[in-house]
Amino acid sequence: MSEAKTQIESLRKWVVEHKLRTVGCLWLSGITGSIAYNWSRPNMKTSVKIIHARLHAQALTLGALAGAALVEYYDRKKEAKAS
């Protein structure tokens, strides 16, 4: 259990240190996955597929930014308690 906690803690630390990189990677994976999904649907125009992929990636990015904001908020709250 403590080993899993250590891995989660190290992952959280990395995300805190590399927020923009994390959000960018999530955006890239979101748009890639969405394009792959939309391309498997043959009855849609190409422009509609691209628009849907962009919207999905945008929603994922907003979620990632909200998550990064929460992590930052709790880190600052934790630091304030420690002081």
PDB file of N, CA and C in Angstrom:
ATOM      1  N   MET A   1       0.823  -1.192   0.000  1.00  0.00           N
ATOM      2  CA  MET A   1       0.000   0.000   0.000  1.00  0.00           C
ATOM      3  C   MET A   1       0.866   1.253   0.000  1.00  0.00           C
ATOM      4  N   SER A   2       1.929   1.264   0.803  1.00  0.00           N
ATOM      5  CA  SER A   2       2.785   2.452   0.872  1.00  0.00           C
ATOM      6  C   SER A   2       3.559   2.652  -0.431  1.00  0.00           C
ATOM      7  N   GLU A   3       3.884   1.536  -1.118  1.00  0.00           N
ATOM      8  CA  GLU A   3       4.580   1.653  -2.406  1.00  0.00           C
ATOM      9  C   GLU A   3       3.679   2.314  -3.448  1.00  0.00           C
ATOM     10  N   ALA A   4       2.398   1.945  -3.452  1.00  0.00           N
ATOM     11  CA  ALA A   4       1.447   2.573  -4.378  1.00  0.00           C
ATOM     12  C   ALA A   4       1.274   4.048  -4.030  1.00  0.00           C
ATOM     13  N   LYS A   5       1.272   4.351  -2.742  1.00  0.00           N
ATOM     14  CA  LYS A   5       1.148   5.740  -2.307  1.00  0.00           C
ATOM     15  C   LYS A   5       2.364   6.552  -2.755  1.00  0.00           C
ATOM     16  N   THR A   6       3.542   5.946  -2.707  1.00  0.00           N
ATOM     17  CA  THR A   6       4.762   6.609  -3.140  1.00  0.00           C
ATOM     18  C   THR A   6       4.721   6.882  -4.638  1.00  0.00           C
ATOM     19  N   GLN A   7       4.232   5.925  -5.426  1.00  0.00           N
ATOM     20  CA  GLN A   7       4.124   6.124  -6.867  1.00  0.00           C
ATOM     21  C   GLN A   7       3.126   7.228  -7.186  1.00  0.00           C
ATOM     22  N   ILE A   8       2.012   7.241  -6.494  1.00  0.00           N
ATOM     23  CA  ILE A   8       1.007   8.294  -6.716  1.00  0.00           C
ATOM     24  C   ILE A   8       1.584   9.643  -6.319  1.00  0.00           C
ATOM     25  N   GLU A   9       2.302   9.692  -5.217  1.00  0.00           N
ATOM     26  CA  GLU A   9       2.913  10.940  -4.767  1.00  0.00           C
ATOM     27  C   GLU A   9       3.951  11.436  -5.768  1.00  0.00           C
ATOM     28  N   SER A  10       4.759  10.535  -6.311  1.00  0.00           N
ATOM     29  CA  SER A  10       5.759  10.962  -7.292  1.00  0.00           C
ATOM     30  C   SER A  10       5.094  11.416  -8.594  1.00  0.00           C
ATOM     31  N   LEU A  11       4.005  10.764  -8.987  1.00  0.00           N
ATOM     32  CA  LEU A  11       3.260  11.195 -10.172  1.00  0.00           C
ATOM     33  C   LEU A  11       2.648  12.568  -9.943  1.00  0.00           C
ATOM     34  N   ARG A  12       2.076  12.792  -8.763  1.00  0.00           N
ATOM     35  CA  ARG A  12       1.493  14.088  -8.437  1.00  0.00           C
ATOM     36  C   ARG A  12       2.557  15.186  -8.457  1.00  0.00           C
ATOM     37  N   LYS A  13       3.727  14.877  -7.915  1.00  0.00           N
ATOM     38  CA  LYS A  13       4.829  15.840  -7.916  1.00  0.00           C
ATOM     39  C   LYS A  13       5.242  16.202  -9.338  1.00  0.00           C
ATOM     40  N   TRP A  14       5.323  15.196 -10.208  1.00  0.00           N
ATOM     41  CA  TRP A  14       5.708  15.447 -11.594  1.00  0.00           C
ATOM     42  C   TRP A  14       4.674  16.322 -12.286  1.00  0.00           C
ATOM     43  N   VAL A  15       3.390  16.035 -12.043  1.00  0.00           N
ATOM     44  CA  VAL A  15       2.315  16.834 -12.653  1.00  0.00           C
ATOM     45  C   VAL A  15       2.386  18.273 -12.162  1.00  0.00           C
ATOM     46  N   VAL A  16       2.661  18.476 -10.876  1.00  0.00           N
ATOM     47  CA  VAL A  16       2.765  19.829 -10.333  1.00  0.00           C
ATOM     48  C   VAL A  16       3.916  20.582 -10.987  1.00  0.00           C
ATOM     49  N   GLU A  17       5.031  19.904 -11.206  1.00  0.00           N
ATOM     50  CA  GLU A  17       6.201  20.545 -11.800  1.00  0.00           C
ATOM     51  C   GLU A  17       6.042  20.776 -13.304  1.00  0.00           C
ATOM     52  N   HIS A  18       5.238  19.972 -13.977  1.00  0.00           N
ATOM     53  CA  HIS A  18       5.096  20.049 -15.435  1.00  0.00           C
ATOM     54  C   HIS A  18       3.631  20.201 -15.835  1.00  0.00           C
ATOM     55  N   LYS A  19       2.973  21.205 -15.301  1.00  0.00           N
ATOM     56  CA  LYS A  19       1.536  21.379 -15.562  1.00  0.00           C
ATOM     57  C   LYS A  19       1.231  21.575 -17.041  1.00  0.00           C
ATOM     58  N   LEU A  20       1.937  22.478 -17.686  1.00  0.00           N
ATOM     59  CA  LEU A  20       1.638  22.762 -19.094  1.00  0.00           C
ATOM     60  C   LEU A  20       1.947  21.564 -19.987  1.00  0.00           C
ATOM     61  N   ARG A  21       3.001  20.869 -19.701  1.00  0.00           N
ATOM     62  CA  ARG A  21       3.339  19.677 -20.485  1.00  0.00           C
ATOM     63  C   ARG A  21       2.262  18.607 -20.319  1.00  0.00           C
ATOM     64  N   THR A  22       1.758  18.459 -19.097  1.00  0.00           N
ATOM     65  CA  THR A  22       0.704  17.485 -18.830  1.00  0.00           C
ATOM     66  C   THR A  22      -0.568  17.832 -19.592  1.00  0.00           C
ATOM     67  N   VAL A  23      -0.963  19.102 -19.545  1.00  0.00           N
ATOM     68  CA  VAL A  23      -2.169  19.537 -20.253  1.00  0.00           C
ATOM     69  C   VAL A  23      -1.972  19.377 -21.755  1.00  0.00           C
ATOM     70  N   GLY A  24      -0.802  19.718 -22.265  1.00  0.00           N
ATOM     71  CA  GLY A  24      -0.517  19.560 -23.695  1.00  0.00           C
ATOM     72  C   GLY A  24      -0.566  18.112 -24.140  1.00  0.00           C
ATOM     73  N   CYS A  25      -0.018  17.227 -23.338  1.00  0.00           N
ATOM     74  CA  CYS A  25      -0.057  15.790 -23.677  1.00  0.00           C
ATOM     75  C   CYS A  25      -1.484  15.263 -23.643  1.00  0.00           C
ATOM     76  N   LEU A  26      -2.269  15.709 -22.669  1.00  0.00           N
ATOM     77  CA  LEU A  26      -3.669  15.295 -22.624  1.00  0.00           C
ATOM     78  C   LEU A  26      -4.436  15.796 -23.843  1.00  0.00           C
ATOM     79  N   TRP A  27      -4.158  17.041 -24.241  1.00  0.00           N
ATOM     80  CA  TRP A  27      -4.811  17.597 -25.427  1.00  0.00           C
ATOM     81  C   TRP A  27      -4.440  16.790 -26.669  1.00  0.00           C
ATOM     82  N   LEU A  28      -3.147  16.512 -26.825  1.00  0.00           N
ATOM     83  CA  LEU A  28      -2.689  15.765 -27.996  1.00  0.00           C
ATOM     84  C   LEU A  28      -3.281  14.362 -28.029  1.00  0.00           C
ATOM     85  N   SER A  29      -3.306  13.684 -26.900  1.00  0.00           N
ATOM     86  CA  SER A  29      -3.889  12.343 -26.881  1.00  0.00           C
ATOM     87  C   SER A  29      -5.399  12.398 -27.096  1.00  0.00           C
ATOM     88  N   GLY A  30      -6.039  13.445 -26.581  1.00  0.00           N
ATOM     89  CA  GLY A  30      -7.482  13.591 -26.782  1.00  0.00           C
ATOM     90  C   GLY A  30      -7.842  13.819 -28.234  1.00  0.00           C
ATOM     91  N   ILE A  31      -7.115  14.698 -28.902  1.00  0.00           N
ATOM     92  CA  ILE A  31      -7.433  14.971 -30.303  1.00  0.00           C
ATOM     93  C   ILE A  31      -7.066  13.777 -31.176  1.00  0.00           C
ATOM     94  N   THR A  32      -5.997  13.084 -30.858  1.00  0.00           N
ATOM     95  CA  THR A  32      -5.616  11.892 -31.621  1.00  0.00           C
ATOM     96  C   THR A  32      -6.670  10.801 -31.476  1.00  0.00           C
ATOM     97  N   GLY A  33      -7.096  10.545 -30.255  1.00  0.00           N
ATOM     98  CA  GLY A  33      -8.122   9.529 -30.028  1.00  0.00           C
ATOM     99  C   GLY A  33      -9.446   9.892 -30.663  1.00  0.00           C
ATOM    100  N   SER A  34      -9.796  11.158 -30.588  1.00  0.00           N
ATOM    101  CA  SER A  34     -11.058  11.599 -31.177  1.00  0.00           C
ATOM    102  C   SER A  34     -11.030  11.512 -32.697  1.00  0.00           C
ATOM    103  N   ILE A  35      -9.914  11.893 -33.310  1.00  0.00           N
ATOM    104  CA  ILE A  35      -9.791  11.762 -34.769  1.00  0.00           C
ATOM    105  C   ILE A  35      -9.873  10.292 -35.167  1.00  0.00           C
ATOM    106  N   ALA A  36      -9.201   9.439 -34.420  1.00  0.00           N
ATOM    107  CA  ALA A  36      -9.249   8.006 -34.736  1.00  0.00           C
ATOM    108  C   ALA A  36     -10.677   7.470 -34.626  1.00  0.00           C
ATOM    109  N   TYR A  37     -11.382   7.897 -33.601  1.00  0.00           N
ATOM    110  CA  TYR A  37     -12.766   7.449 -33.431  1.00  0.00           C
ATOM    111  C   TYR A  37     -13.657   7.988 -34.552  1.00  0.00           C
ATOM    112  N   ASN A  38     -13.529   9.274 -34.845  1.00  0.00           N
ATOM    113  CA  ASN A  38     -14.372   9.878 -35.874  1.00  0.00           C
ATOM    114  C   ASN A  38     -14.071   9.329 -37.267  1.00  0.00           C
ATOM    115  N   TRP A  39     -12.835   8.958 -37.530  1.00  0.00           N
ATOM    116  CA  TRP A  39     -12.495   8.411 -38.847  1.00  0.00           C
ATOM    117  C   TRP A  39     -13.095   7.015 -39.056  1.00  0.00           C
ATOM    118  N   SER A  40     -13.448   6.370 -37.964  1.00  0.00           N
ATOM    119  CA  SER A  40     -14.073   5.049 -38.102  1.00  0.00           C
ATOM    120  C   SER A  40     -15.560   5.165 -38.438  1.00  0.00           C
ATOM    121  N   ARG A  41     -16.092   6.367 -38.457  1.00  0.00           N
ATOM    122  CA  ARG A  41     -17.497   6.603 -38.788  1.00  0.00           C
ATOM    123  C   ARG A  41     -17.556   7.123 -40.230  1.00  0.00           C
ATOM    124  N   PRO A  42     -17.909   6.274 -41.157  1.00  0.00           N
ATOM    125  CA  PRO A  42     -17.795   6.638 -42.574  1.00  0.00           C
ATOM    126  C   PRO A  42     -18.845   7.625 -43.088  1.00  0.00           C
ATOM    127  N   ASN A  43     -19.936   7.827 -42.402  1.00  0.00           N
ATOM    128  CA  ASN A  43     -21.009   8.653 -42.944  1.00  0.00           C
ATOM    129  C   ASN A  43     -20.931  10.114 -42.500  1.00  0.00           C
ATOM    130  N   MET A  44     -19.736  10.592 -42.120  1.00  0.00           N
ATOM    131  CA  MET A  44     -19.556  11.987 -41.717  1.00  0.00           C
ATOM    132  C   MET A  44     -18.594  12.673 -42.672  1.00  0.00           C
ATOM    133  N   LYS A  45     -18.808  13.973 -42.886  1.00  0.00           N
ATOM    134  CA  LYS A  45     -17.883  14.752 -43.698  1.00  0.00           C
ATOM    135  C   LYS A  45     -16.569  14.919 -42.942  1.00  0.00           C
ATOM    136  N   THR A  46     -15.495  15.125 -43.677  1.00  0.00           N
ATOM    137  CA  THR A  46     -14.179  15.311 -43.064  1.00  0.00           C
ATOM    138  C   THR A  46     -14.161  16.546 -42.171  1.00  0.00           C
ATOM    139  N   SER A  47     -14.778  17.620 -42.617  1.00  0.00           N
ATOM    140  CA  SER A  47     -14.783  18.847 -41.811  1.00  0.00           C
ATOM    141  C   SER A  47     -15.512  18.630 -40.481  1.00  0.00           C
ATOM    142  N   VAL A  48     -16.590  17.865 -40.503  1.00  0.00           N
ATOM    143  CA  VAL A  48     -17.334  17.580 -39.271  1.00  0.00           C
ATOM    144  C   VAL A  48     -16.491  16.700 -38.342  1.00  0.00           C
ATOM    145  N   LYS A  49     -15.767  15.764 -38.896  1.00  0.00           N
ATOM    146  CA  LYS A  49     -14.888  14.906 -38.086  1.00  0.00           C
ATOM    147  C   LYS A  49     -13.837  15.744 -37.367  1.00  0.00           C
ATOM    148  N   ILE A  50     -13.246  16.692 -38.090  1.00  0.00           N
ATOM    149  CA  ILE A  50     -12.203  17.534 -37.495  1.00  0.00           C
ATOM    150  C   ILE A  50     -12.800  18.442 -36.421  1.00  0.00           C
ATOM    151  N   ILE A  51     -13.968  18.994 -36.691  1.00  0.00           N
ATOM    152  CA  ILE A  51     -14.620  19.859 -35.698  1.00  0.00           C
ATOM    153  C   ILE A  51     -14.952  19.071 -34.434  1.00  0.00           C
ATOM    154  N   HIS A  52     -15.475  17.875 -34.592  1.00  0.00           N
ATOM    155  CA  HIS A  52     -15.785  17.048 -33.422  1.00  0.00           C
ATOM    156  C   HIS A  52     -14.526  16.707 -32.639  1.00  0.00           C
ATOM    157  N   ALA A  53     -13.446  16.390 -33.338  1.00  0.00           N
ATOM    158  CA  ALA A  53     -12.187  16.065 -32.662  1.00  0.00           C
ATOM    159  C   ALA A  53     -11.682  17.269 -31.871  1.00  0.00           C
ATOM    160  N   ARG A  54     -11.782  18.458 -32.449  1.00  0.00           N
ATOM    161  CA  ARG A  54     -11.333  19.658 -31.763  1.00  0.00           C
ATOM    162  C   ARG A  54     -12.183  19.928 -30.525  1.00  0.00           C
ATOM    163  N   LEU A  55     -13.480  19.742 -30.637  1.00  0.00           N
ATOM    164  CA  LEU A  55     -14.368  19.960 -29.492  1.00  0.00           C
ATOM    165  C   LEU A  55     -14.085  18.975 -28.361  1.00  0.00           C
ATOM    166  N   HIS A  56     -13.856  17.709 -28.723  1.00  0.00           N
ATOM    167  CA  HIS A  56     -13.532  16.710 -27.696  1.00  0.00           C
ATOM    168  C   HIS A  56     -12.221  17.063 -26.996  1.00  0.00           C
ATOM    169  N   ALA A  57     -11.222  17.439 -27.785  1.00  0.00           N
ATOM    170  CA  ALA A  57      -9.928  17.792 -27.207  1.00  0.00           C
ATOM    171  C   ALA A  57     -10.037  19.045 -26.345  1.00  0.00           C
ATOM    172  N   GLN A  58     -10.854  19.984 -26.769  1.00  0.00           N
ATOM    173  CA  GLN A  58     -11.046  21.207 -25.995  1.00  0.00           C
ATOM    174  C   GLN A  58     -11.700  20.901 -24.642  1.00  0.00           C
ATOM    175  N   ALA A  59     -12.683  20.041 -24.640  1.00  0.00           N
ATOM    176  CA  ALA A  59     -13.339  19.656 -23.387  1.00  0.00           C
ATOM    177  C   ALA A  59     -12.358  18.938 -22.463  1.00  0.00           C
ATOM    178  N   LEU A  60     -11.545  18.061 -23.028  1.00  0.00           N
ATOM    179  CA  LEU A  60     -10.542  17.349 -22.229  1.00  0.00           C
ATOM    180  C   LEU A  60      -9.526  18.331 -21.659  1.00  0.00           C
ATOM    181  N   THR A  61      -9.126  19.324 -22.433  1.00  0.00           N
ATOM    182  CA  THR A  61      -8.171  20.325 -21.965  1.00  0.00           C
ATOM    183  C   THR A  61      -8.755  21.151 -20.826  1.00  0.00           C
ATOM    184  N   LEU A  62     -10.009  21.543 -20.948  1.00  0.00           N
ATOM    185  CA  LEU A  62     -10.639  22.288 -19.856  1.00  0.00           C
ATOM    186  C   LEU A  62     -10.696  21.455 -18.580  1.00  0.00           C
ATOM    187  N   GLY A  63     -10.983  20.176 -18.727  1.00  0.00           N
ATOM    188  CA  GLY A  63     -10.975  19.285 -17.563  1.00  0.00           C
ATOM    189  C   GLY A  63      -9.585  19.167 -16.951  1.00  0.00           C
ATOM    190  N   ALA A  64      -8.569  19.064 -17.805  1.00  0.00           N
ATOM    191  CA  ALA A  64      -7.192  18.960 -17.306  1.00  0.00           C
ATOM    192  C   ALA A  64      -6.768  20.251 -16.606  1.00  0.00           C
ATOM    193  N   LEU A  65      -7.151  21.392 -17.164  1.00  0.00           N
ATOM    194  CA  LEU A  65      -6.821  22.666 -16.516  1.00  0.00           C
ATOM    195  C   LEU A  65      -7.523  22.799 -15.169  1.00  0.00           C
ATOM    196  N   ALA A  66      -8.762  22.358 -15.101  1.00  0.00           N
ATOM    197  CA  ALA A  66      -9.484  22.380 -13.828  1.00  0.00           C
ATOM    198  C   ALA A  66      -8.806  21.456 -12.817  1.00  0.00           C
ATOM    199  N   GLY A  67      -8.376  20.293 -13.268  1.00  0.00           N
ATOM    200  CA  GLY A  67      -7.661  19.371 -12.384  1.00  0.00           C
ATOM    201  C   GLY A  67      -6.344  19.960 -11.895  1.00  0.00           C
ATOM    202  N   ALA A  68      -5.604  20.611 -12.797  1.00  0.00           N
ATOM    203  CA  ALA A  68      -4.342  21.245 -12.403  1.00  0.00           C
ATOM    204  C   ALA A  68      -4.594  22.368 -11.403  1.00  0.00           C
ATOM    205  N   ALA A  69      -5.684  23.108 -11.589  1.00  0.00           N
ATOM    206  CA  ALA A  69      -6.024  24.174 -10.646  1.00  0.00           C
ATOM    207  C   ALA A  69      -6.349  23.594  -9.270  1.00  0.00           C
ATOM    208  N   LEU A  70      -7.054  22.474  -9.240  1.00  0.00           N
ATOM    209  CA  LEU A  70      -7.366  21.836  -7.954  1.00  0.00           C
ATOM    210  C   LEU A  70      -6.105  21.348  -7.254  1.00  0.00           C
ATOM    211  N   VAL A  71      -5.207  20.738  -8.014  1.00  0.00           N
ATOM    212  CA  VAL A  71      -3.949  20.268  -7.429  1.00  0.00           C
ATOM    213  C   VAL A  71      -3.173  21.445  -6.858  1.00  0.00           C
ATOM    214  N   GLU A  72      -3.105  22.543  -7.608  1.00  0.00           N
ATOM    215  CA  GLU A  72      -2.398  23.736  -7.137  1.00  0.00           C
ATOM    216  C   GLU A  72      -3.056  24.298  -5.878  1.00  0.00           C
ATOM    217  N   TYR A  73      -4.378  24.330  -5.860  1.00  0.00           N
ATOM    218  CA  TYR A  73      -5.105  24.839  -4.696  1.00  0.00           C
ATOM    219  C   TYR A  73      -4.798  24.008  -3.450  1.00  0.00           C
ATOM    220  N   TYR A  74      -4.869  22.691  -3.576  1.00  0.00           N
ATOM    221  CA  TYR A  74      -4.617  21.833  -2.420  1.00  0.00           C
ATOM    222  C   TYR A  74      -3.155  21.862  -1.993  1.00  0.00           C
ATOM    223  N   ASP A  75      -2.238  22.027  -2.949  1.00  0.00           N
ATOM    224  CA  ASP A  75      -0.825  22.153  -2.575  1.00  0.00           C
ATOM    225  C   ASP A  75      -0.585  23.420  -1.766  1.00  0.00           C
ATOM    226  N   ARG A  76      -1.186  24.523  -2.208  1.00  0.00           N
ATOM    227  CA  ARG A  76      -1.020  25.789  -1.466  1.00  0.00           C
ATOM    228  C   ARG A  76      -1.686  25.712  -0.093  1.00  0.00           C
ATOM    229  N   LYS A  77      -2.831  25.051  -0.034  1.00  0.00           N
ATOM    230  CA  LYS A  77      -3.530  24.888   1.239  1.00  0.00           C
ATOM    231  C   LYS A  77      -2.689  24.029   2.191  1.00  0.00           C
ATOM    232  N   LYS A  78      -2.069  22.979   1.652  1.00  0.00           N
ATOM    233  CA  LYS A  78      -1.225  22.090   2.444  1.00  0.00           C
ATOM    234  C   LYS A  78       0.010  22.830   2.952  1.00  0.00           C
ATOM    235  N   GLU A  79       0.618  23.678   2.091  1.00  0.00           N
ATOM    236  CA  GLU A  79       1.776  24.464   2.493  1.00  0.00           C
ATOM    237  C   GLU A  79       1.413  25.472   3.573  1.00  0.00           C
ATOM    238  N   ALA A  80       0.214  26.053   3.468  1.00  0.00           N
ATOM    239  CA  ALA A  80      -0.223  27.037   4.467  1.00  0.00           C
ATOM    240  C   ALA A  80      -0.409  26.370   5.835  1.00  0.00           C
ATOM    241  N   LYS A  81      -0.925  25.149   5.850  1.00  0.00           N
ATOM    242  CA  LYS A  81      -1.102  24.419   7.112  1.00  0.00           C
ATOM    243  C   LYS A  81       0.245  24.059   7.720  1.00  0.00           C
ATOM    244  N   ALA A  82       1.226  23.715   6.861  1.00  0.00           N
ATOM    245  CA  ALA A  82       2.531  23.316   7.342  1.00  0.00           C
ATOM    246  C   ALA A  82       3.294  24.501   7.941  1.00  0.00           C
ATOM    247  N   SER A  83       2.992  25.703   7.483  1.00  0.00           N
ATOM    248  CA  SER A  83       3.712  26.899   7.977  1.00  0.00           C
ATOM    249  C   SER A  83       3.293  27.314   9.348  1.00  0.00           C
TER     250      SER A  83
END
